[in-house]
N, C-alpha and C. Protein backbone atom coordinates (compact mmCIF):
# COMPACT_ATOMS: atom_id res chain seq x y z
N MET A 1 225.86 -136.30 144.73
CA MET A 1 226.36 -134.80 145.66
C MET A 1 227.32 -134.66 145.27
N ARG A 2 228.56 -135.31 144.74
CA ARG A 2 229.87 -134.95 144.35
C ARG A 2 229.94 -134.09 143.58
N PHE A 3 228.93 -134.29 142.26
CA PHE A 3 228.93 -133.56 141.05
C PHE A 3 228.41 -131.98 141.42
N TYR A 4 227.35 -131.80 142.40
CA TYR A 4 226.90 -130.36 142.50
C TYR A 4 227.94 -129.78 143.59
N ILE A 5 228.88 -130.23 144.34
CA ILE A 5 229.68 -129.44 145.16
C ILE A 5 231.20 -129.08 144.25
N ILE A 6 231.12 -129.81 143.37
CA ILE A 6 232.31 -129.86 142.36
C ILE A 6 232.11 -128.49 141.32
N THR A 7 230.86 -128.82 140.89
CA THR A 7 230.45 -127.65 139.83
C THR A 7 230.41 -126.59 140.21
N PHE A 8 229.89 -126.28 141.75
CA PHE A 8 229.66 -125.09 142.53
C PHE A 8 231.16 -124.56 142.77
N LEU A 9 232.31 -125.37 142.78
CA LEU A 9 233.52 -124.82 143.08
C LEU A 9 234.17 -124.23 141.65
N LEU A 10 234.10 -125.17 140.79
CA LEU A 10 234.42 -125.07 139.44
C LEU A 10 233.72 -123.70 138.90
N SER A 11 232.38 -123.60 139.23
CA SER A 11 231.72 -122.00 138.66
C SER A 11 232.20 -120.87 139.40
N TYR A 12 232.47 -121.37 140.61
CA TYR A 12 232.99 -120.14 141.51
C TYR A 12 234.57 -119.59 141.02
N ILE A 13 235.31 -120.82 140.91
CA ILE A 13 236.66 -120.29 140.37
C ILE A 13 236.49 -119.66 138.88
N GLN A 14 235.70 -120.14 138.05
CA GLN A 14 235.57 -119.47 136.61
C GLN A 14 234.83 -118.28 136.85
N SER A 15 233.89 -118.01 137.53
CA SER A 15 233.32 -116.70 137.44
C SER A 15 234.19 -115.70 138.25
N SER A 16 235.06 -115.87 139.10
CA SER A 16 235.91 -115.17 140.05
C SER A 16 237.07 -114.93 139.38
N LEU A 17 238.02 -115.84 138.94
CA LEU A 17 239.39 -115.91 138.66
C LEU A 17 239.44 -115.69 137.05
N PHE A 18 238.89 -116.73 136.05
CA PHE A 18 239.10 -116.45 135.11
C PHE A 18 238.40 -115.19 134.00
N LEU A 19 237.00 -114.85 134.85
CA LEU A 19 236.51 -113.72 134.36
C LEU A 19 236.90 -112.80 134.54
N ALA A 20 237.90 -112.46 135.44
CA ALA A 20 238.67 -111.37 135.82
C ALA A 20 239.86 -111.59 134.76
N LEU A 21 240.51 -112.28 134.68
CA LEU A 21 242.03 -112.63 133.43
C LEU A 21 241.29 -112.15 132.12
N PHE A 22 240.01 -112.86 131.90
CA PHE A 22 239.76 -112.65 130.27
C PHE A 22 238.57 -111.42 130.13
N HIS A 23 237.91 -110.93 130.90
CA HIS A 23 237.27 -109.83 130.84
C HIS A 23 236.02 -109.67 129.91
N ASN A 24 235.88 -111.00 129.62
CA ASN A 24 234.31 -111.37 128.61
C ASN A 24 233.93 -112.63 129.09
N PHE A 25 232.53 -112.87 129.43
CA PHE A 25 232.14 -114.23 129.90
C PHE A 25 232.11 -115.07 128.64
N LEU A 26 231.66 -114.68 127.92
CA LEU A 26 231.60 -115.48 126.64
C LEU A 26 233.13 -115.89 125.88
N LEU A 27 234.13 -115.70 126.65
CA LEU A 27 235.31 -116.09 126.01
C LEU A 27 235.89 -116.79 127.09
N THR A 28 235.52 -116.89 128.48
CA THR A 28 236.43 -117.32 129.43
C THR A 28 236.40 -118.59 129.52
N PRO A 29 237.51 -119.48 129.70
CA PRO A 29 237.41 -120.99 129.78
C PRO A 29 236.42 -121.51 130.85
N ASP A 30 235.34 -122.27 130.18
CA ASP A 30 234.35 -123.25 130.82
C ASP A 30 234.53 -124.36 131.44
N LEU A 31 235.05 -124.36 132.87
CA LEU A 31 235.47 -125.66 133.32
C LEU A 31 234.30 -126.35 133.81
N THR A 32 233.50 -125.58 133.70
CA THR A 32 231.84 -126.45 133.99
C THR A 32 231.31 -127.39 133.08
N LEU A 33 231.54 -126.71 131.77
CA LEU A 33 231.32 -127.38 130.54
C LEU A 33 232.22 -128.86 130.46
N VAL A 34 233.36 -128.70 130.77
CA VAL A 34 234.43 -129.83 130.45
C VAL A 34 234.17 -130.76 131.60
N TYR A 35 233.50 -130.40 132.87
CA TYR A 35 233.28 -131.19 133.81
C TYR A 35 231.80 -131.91 133.89
N LEU A 36 230.83 -131.15 132.96
CA LEU A 36 229.43 -131.62 132.46
C LEU A 36 229.66 -132.56 131.51
N LEU A 37 230.59 -132.66 130.59
CA LEU A 37 231.19 -133.07 129.64
C LEU A 37 231.16 -134.84 130.53
N LEU A 38 232.46 -134.75 131.05
CA LEU A 38 232.74 -136.01 131.84
C LEU A 38 231.94 -136.72 132.62
N ASN A 39 230.89 -135.91 133.14
CA ASN A 39 229.50 -136.60 133.90
C ASN A 39 228.55 -137.23 132.55
N LEU A 40 228.42 -136.47 131.80
CA LEU A 40 227.08 -136.93 130.96
C LEU A 40 227.77 -137.62 129.58
N ALA A 41 229.50 -138.01 129.55
CA ALA A 41 229.22 -138.74 128.50
C ALA A 41 229.54 -140.22 128.92
N HIS A 42 229.17 -140.66 130.16
CA HIS A 42 228.96 -142.23 130.38
C HIS A 42 227.67 -142.21 131.01
N GLU A 43 226.86 -141.68 131.14
CA GLU A 43 225.39 -141.68 131.48
C GLU A 43 224.60 -142.69 130.52
N GLU A 44 223.53 -143.25 131.07
CA GLU A 44 222.95 -144.16 130.36
C GLU A 44 221.81 -143.57 129.39
N ARG A 45 221.16 -142.34 130.10
CA ARG A 45 220.27 -141.51 129.53
C ARG A 45 220.52 -140.08 129.72
N LEU A 46 219.86 -139.33 129.04
CA LEU A 46 220.08 -137.76 129.08
C LEU A 46 219.23 -137.68 130.54
N ASN A 47 220.33 -136.73 130.94
CA ASN A 47 219.61 -136.31 132.35
C ASN A 47 220.02 -134.38 132.38
N LEU A 48 218.59 -133.97 132.66
CA LEU A 48 218.66 -132.54 132.18
C LEU A 48 219.33 -131.86 133.75
N LYS A 49 218.77 -132.58 134.39
CA LYS A 49 218.89 -131.66 135.78
C LYS A 49 220.66 -131.05 135.89
N LYS A 50 221.57 -132.06 135.55
CA LYS A 50 222.96 -131.52 136.02
C LYS A 50 223.20 -130.28 134.74
N PRO A 51 222.92 -130.35 133.56
CA PRO A 51 223.45 -129.07 132.59
C PRO A 51 222.41 -127.73 133.14
N ILE A 52 221.04 -128.15 133.65
CA ILE A 52 220.27 -127.19 134.35
C ILE A 52 220.99 -126.10 135.57
N TYR A 53 221.44 -127.47 136.54
CA TYR A 53 222.11 -126.76 137.49
C TYR A 53 223.39 -125.68 137.29
N ALA A 54 224.14 -126.36 136.60
CA ALA A 54 225.51 -125.80 136.04
C ALA A 54 225.23 -124.52 135.18
N GLY A 55 224.20 -124.41 134.44
CA GLY A 55 223.82 -123.07 133.80
C GLY A 55 223.22 -122.06 134.60
N LEU A 56 222.44 -122.58 135.47
CA LEU A 56 221.79 -121.55 136.43
C LEU A 56 222.63 -121.05 137.51
N LEU A 57 223.56 -121.84 137.97
CA LEU A 57 224.57 -121.32 139.02
C LEU A 57 225.48 -120.22 138.13
N LEU A 58 226.09 -120.52 136.73
CA LEU A 58 226.64 -119.46 136.37
C LEU A 58 226.18 -118.39 135.82
N ASP A 59 224.67 -118.38 135.59
CA ASP A 59 223.82 -117.59 135.39
C ASP A 59 223.89 -116.46 136.67
N ILE A 60 223.62 -117.10 137.81
CA ILE A 60 223.77 -116.51 139.12
C ILE A 60 225.03 -115.60 139.36
N LEU A 61 226.09 -116.35 139.21
CA LEU A 61 227.61 -115.81 139.58
C LEU A 61 227.98 -114.99 138.78
N GLN A 62 227.39 -115.02 137.56
CA GLN A 62 228.31 -114.04 136.54
C GLN A 62 226.97 -112.81 135.68
N ASP A 63 225.66 -113.24 136.28
CA ASP A 63 224.55 -112.26 135.96
C ASP A 63 224.45 -112.14 134.33
N SER A 64 224.37 -113.67 133.84
CA SER A 64 224.50 -113.80 132.27
C SER A 64 223.04 -113.77 131.44
N LEU A 65 221.70 -113.27 132.34
CA LEU A 65 220.82 -112.97 131.56
C LEU A 65 220.39 -114.53 130.99
N GLY A 66 220.46 -115.91 131.52
CA GLY A 66 220.08 -117.02 130.79
C GLY A 66 220.98 -117.71 129.92
N LEU A 67 221.93 -116.89 129.43
CA LEU A 67 222.59 -117.30 128.54
C LEU A 67 223.76 -118.52 128.84
N GLN A 68 224.35 -118.74 130.24
CA GLN A 68 224.72 -119.57 130.55
C GLN A 68 223.73 -121.30 130.44
N LEU A 69 222.87 -121.01 130.65
CA LEU A 69 221.89 -122.17 130.93
C LEU A 69 221.47 -122.62 129.58
N SER A 70 221.21 -121.66 128.52
CA SER A 70 220.55 -122.37 127.30
C SER A 70 222.11 -122.88 126.57
N GLY A 71 223.21 -122.27 126.88
CA GLY A 71 224.70 -122.86 126.55
C GLY A 71 224.92 -124.20 127.01
N LYS A 72 224.52 -124.40 128.34
CA LYS A 72 224.59 -125.78 128.89
C LYS A 72 223.55 -126.88 128.37
N LEU A 73 222.40 -126.38 128.21
CA LEU A 73 221.25 -127.42 127.49
C LEU A 73 221.60 -127.56 126.54
N PHE A 74 221.98 -127.01 125.51
CA PHE A 74 222.35 -126.90 124.02
C PHE A 74 223.54 -127.86 124.07
N PHE A 75 224.37 -127.95 124.97
CA PHE A 75 225.66 -128.71 124.96
C PHE A 75 225.19 -129.91 125.28
N ALA A 76 224.38 -130.34 126.16
CA ALA A 76 223.90 -131.71 126.35
C ALA A 76 223.28 -132.07 125.57
N LEU A 77 222.52 -131.55 124.81
CA LEU A 77 221.56 -132.00 123.99
C LEU A 77 222.24 -132.25 122.61
N ALA A 78 222.95 -131.59 122.26
CA ALA A 78 224.29 -132.22 121.36
C ALA A 78 225.02 -132.77 121.65
N LEU A 79 225.77 -133.15 122.75
CA LEU A 79 226.28 -134.45 123.04
C LEU A 79 225.52 -135.70 123.04
N SER A 80 224.30 -135.42 123.52
CA SER A 80 223.52 -136.81 123.39
C SER A 80 223.33 -137.37 122.23
N ILE A 81 223.10 -136.44 121.22
CA ILE A 81 223.07 -136.64 119.62
C ILE A 81 224.49 -137.65 119.30
N VAL A 82 225.64 -137.00 119.44
CA VAL A 82 227.12 -137.42 119.38
C VAL A 82 226.98 -138.43 120.06
N ARG A 83 226.43 -138.85 121.48
CA ARG A 83 226.60 -140.18 121.85
C ARG A 83 225.90 -141.46 121.05
N LEU A 84 224.87 -140.98 120.22
CA LEU A 84 224.20 -141.84 119.62
C LEU A 84 225.27 -142.81 118.73
N ARG A 85 226.30 -142.23 118.20
CA ARG A 85 227.14 -142.50 116.97
C ARG A 85 228.29 -142.91 117.54
N VAL A 86 228.85 -142.04 118.81
CA VAL A 86 230.46 -142.15 119.18
C VAL A 86 230.44 -142.85 120.46
N GLU A 87 231.37 -143.90 120.86
CA GLU A 87 231.44 -144.33 121.77
C GLU A 87 232.87 -143.84 122.76
N PHE A 88 232.51 -142.93 123.79
CA PHE A 88 233.74 -142.59 124.47
C PHE A 88 234.72 -143.56 125.27
N THR A 89 235.70 -143.92 124.54
CA THR A 89 236.43 -144.99 125.40
C THR A 89 237.70 -144.48 125.85
N GLY A 90 237.98 -143.28 125.56
CA GLY A 90 239.45 -142.60 126.12
C GLY A 90 239.32 -141.22 125.89
N ARG A 91 240.79 -140.41 126.53
CA ARG A 91 240.61 -139.22 126.69
C ARG A 91 240.83 -138.30 125.41
N LEU A 92 241.23 -139.15 124.25
CA LEU A 92 241.17 -138.77 122.99
C LEU A 92 239.93 -138.89 122.18
N SER A 93 239.04 -139.61 122.65
CA SER A 93 237.70 -139.56 121.92
C SER A 93 236.65 -138.29 122.49
N LEU A 94 237.20 -138.13 123.79
CA LEU A 94 236.55 -136.99 124.69
C LEU A 94 236.80 -135.50 124.08
N ILE A 95 238.39 -135.80 123.99
CA ILE A 95 238.94 -134.22 123.38
C ILE A 95 238.13 -134.05 122.15
N VAL A 96 238.19 -134.88 121.12
CA VAL A 96 237.90 -134.75 119.82
C VAL A 96 236.55 -134.41 119.90
N ALA A 97 235.42 -135.07 120.62
CA ALA A 97 233.96 -134.77 120.61
C ALA A 97 234.06 -133.40 121.16
N TYR A 98 234.67 -132.97 122.13
CA TYR A 98 234.73 -131.57 123.05
C TYR A 98 234.95 -130.66 122.11
N ILE A 99 235.87 -130.30 121.52
CA ILE A 99 236.21 -129.36 120.74
C ILE A 99 235.48 -128.92 119.78
N PRO A 100 234.55 -129.45 118.97
CA PRO A 100 233.53 -128.83 117.93
C PRO A 100 232.11 -128.68 118.92
N LEU A 101 232.13 -129.61 120.03
CA LEU A 101 230.63 -128.99 120.85
C LEU A 101 231.10 -127.91 121.66
N SER A 102 232.14 -127.82 122.35
CA SER A 102 232.46 -126.44 122.77
C SER A 102 232.43 -125.18 121.72
N LEU A 103 232.79 -125.24 120.51
CA LEU A 103 232.68 -124.21 119.91
C LEU A 103 231.42 -123.82 119.64
N LEU A 104 230.33 -124.95 118.93
CA LEU A 104 229.48 -124.53 118.68
C LEU A 104 228.47 -123.86 120.24
N GLN A 105 228.79 -124.50 121.25
CA GLN A 105 227.88 -123.86 122.29
C GLN A 105 228.42 -122.50 122.67
N LYS A 106 229.78 -122.20 122.24
CA LYS A 106 230.14 -120.76 122.37
C LYS A 106 229.86 -119.79 121.35
N LEU A 107 229.18 -120.46 120.24
CA LEU A 107 228.97 -119.80 118.76
C LEU A 107 227.61 -119.20 119.55
N LEU A 108 226.74 -120.25 119.74
CA LEU A 108 225.22 -119.99 120.43
C LEU A 108 225.15 -118.89 121.19
N MET A 109 225.90 -119.17 122.23
CA MET A 109 226.21 -117.84 123.06
C MET A 109 226.40 -116.64 122.64
N PHE A 110 227.51 -116.54 121.60
CA PHE A 110 227.59 -115.11 121.11
C PHE A 110 226.24 -114.97 120.28
N ILE A 111 225.86 -115.38 119.65
CA ILE A 111 225.13 -115.32 118.93
C ILE A 111 223.58 -114.75 119.26
N LEU A 112 223.28 -115.51 120.77
CA LEU A 112 222.19 -114.98 121.65
C LEU A 112 222.59 -113.39 122.30
N PHE A 113 223.56 -113.50 122.52
CA PHE A 113 224.40 -112.24 123.32
C PHE A 113 224.25 -111.11 122.39
N ARG A 114 224.76 -111.37 121.14
CA ARG A 114 224.91 -110.31 119.84
C ARG A 114 223.29 -109.81 119.51
N ILE A 115 222.46 -110.63 119.66
CA ILE A 115 221.00 -109.97 119.45
C ILE A 115 220.71 -108.70 120.15
N LYS A 116 221.23 -108.70 121.73
CA LYS A 116 220.97 -107.16 122.25
C LYS A 116 222.22 -106.52 122.51
N TYR A 117 223.23 -107.26 122.63
CA TYR A 117 224.32 -106.14 122.83
C TYR A 117 225.46 -106.43 121.77
N TYR A 118 226.20 -105.43 122.06
CA TYR A 118 227.64 -105.59 120.65
C TYR A 118 228.75 -106.05 121.88
N THR A 119 229.31 -106.89 121.10
CA THR A 119 230.99 -107.24 121.82
C THR A 119 231.61 -107.62 120.63
N ASP A 120 232.75 -107.63 121.16
CA ASP A 120 233.64 -108.01 119.85
C ASP A 120 234.56 -109.54 120.53
N VAL A 121 235.09 -109.98 119.04
CA VAL A 121 235.48 -111.55 119.50
C VAL A 121 236.99 -111.46 119.19
N ASN A 122 237.56 -111.69 120.21
CA ASN A 122 239.17 -111.55 119.89
C ASN A 122 239.75 -112.97 120.04
N ILE A 123 240.16 -113.55 118.67
CA ILE A 123 240.42 -114.96 118.43
C ILE A 123 241.56 -115.37 119.02
N LEU A 124 242.43 -114.53 119.71
CA LEU A 124 243.19 -115.30 120.67
C LEU A 124 242.82 -115.76 121.69
N LEU A 125 242.41 -114.94 122.46
CA LEU A 125 241.51 -114.89 123.66
C LEU A 125 240.48 -116.61 123.49
N LEU A 126 239.97 -116.60 122.54
CA LEU A 126 239.18 -117.73 122.27
C LEU A 126 240.16 -118.92 122.00
N ILE A 127 241.26 -118.76 121.25
CA ILE A 127 242.08 -120.25 121.27
C ILE A 127 242.68 -120.48 122.35
N GLY A 128 243.24 -119.54 123.26
CA GLY A 128 243.58 -119.66 124.60
C GLY A 128 242.74 -120.08 125.69
N SER A 129 241.53 -119.64 125.30
CA SER A 129 240.24 -120.32 126.42
C SER A 129 240.21 -121.79 125.97
N LEU A 130 240.13 -122.13 124.76
CA LEU A 130 239.86 -123.52 124.02
C LEU A 130 241.15 -124.39 124.79
N MET A 131 242.25 -123.76 124.84
CA MET A 131 243.44 -124.69 124.97
C MET A 131 243.29 -124.93 126.60
N ILE A 132 243.17 -123.87 127.38
CA ILE A 132 242.89 -124.20 128.80
C ILE A 132 241.84 -125.37 128.92
N GLU A 133 240.78 -125.03 128.21
CA GLU A 133 239.65 -126.20 128.55
C GLU A 133 240.20 -127.63 128.20
N VAL A 134 241.08 -127.44 127.00
CA VAL A 134 241.27 -128.80 126.76
C VAL A 134 242.32 -129.41 127.68
N LEU A 135 243.09 -128.56 128.26
CA LEU A 135 244.18 -129.34 129.15
C LEU A 135 243.55 -129.47 130.52
N PHE A 136 242.55 -128.68 130.90
CA PHE A 136 241.63 -129.30 131.99
C PHE A 136 241.00 -130.55 131.82
N LEU A 137 240.43 -130.70 130.75
CA LEU A 137 239.64 -131.90 129.98
C LEU A 137 240.61 -133.01 130.15
N THR A 138 241.93 -132.86 129.81
CA THR A 138 242.92 -134.00 130.09
C THR A 138 243.13 -134.43 131.53
N LEU A 139 243.52 -133.40 132.42
CA LEU A 139 243.64 -133.69 133.76
C LEU A 139 242.78 -134.45 134.07
N MET A 140 241.24 -133.85 133.96
CA MET A 140 240.32 -134.35 134.89
C MET A 140 239.91 -135.82 134.26
N ALA A 141 240.19 -136.00 133.13
CA ALA A 141 239.83 -137.29 132.35
C ALA A 141 240.66 -138.28 133.15
N LYS A 142 242.20 -137.60 133.15
CA LYS A 142 243.28 -138.52 133.54
C LYS A 142 242.75 -139.12 134.84
N TRP A 143 242.27 -137.98 136.09
CA TRP A 143 242.13 -138.16 137.27
C TRP A 143 240.60 -139.27 137.33
N LEU A 144 239.65 -138.97 136.69
CA LEU A 144 238.81 -139.70 136.76
C LEU A 144 238.66 -140.89 136.21
N ILE A 145 239.27 -141.27 135.23
CA ILE A 145 239.79 -142.57 134.48
C ILE A 145 240.37 -143.42 135.73
N LYS A 146 241.48 -142.86 136.44
CA LYS A 146 242.28 -143.31 137.24
C LYS A 146 241.38 -143.81 138.91
N GLU A 147 240.52 -142.94 139.13
CA GLU A 147 239.75 -143.08 140.24
C GLU A 147 238.53 -144.28 139.69
N GLY A 148 238.02 -144.38 138.61
CA GLY A 148 236.91 -145.26 138.22
C GLY A 148 238.01 -146.85 138.31
N ASN A 149 239.06 -146.87 138.12
CA ASN A 149 239.81 -147.92 137.85
C ASN A 149 240.22 -148.76 139.20
N GLU A 150 240.19 -148.03 140.54
CA GLU A 150 240.70 -148.46 141.62
C GLU A 150 239.48 -148.85 142.18
């Protein structure tokens, strides 16, 4: 139940605050993706309920035509493939796995959006967005690892 409440709060912050700052939902920092990584990284089996919930919630809040849902499902499936080879033991391994998976997810969403609509890509916004996501991942991993050790 905690996952769903925190995901709702992060989705609301992402859709209201970051979307207003970045003006492009394809380049906004994806806090729910970071939280999804932290929850899916240590699960035994692939559970698609969490990415579907996070994607649908963001689609409703951002009116993004199912793009968020497809991006979150792609991320969860790609993460399950990575987990076959990599064991996530600490924050560094989470960050190293997150950066390429996040960029692949953003690329998929951009390609799907570009099929029907035109949008420009600002590399500086993409780098800034990724830096905010990595900072959030570092802080959340530190908090969750500390909470798990107590």
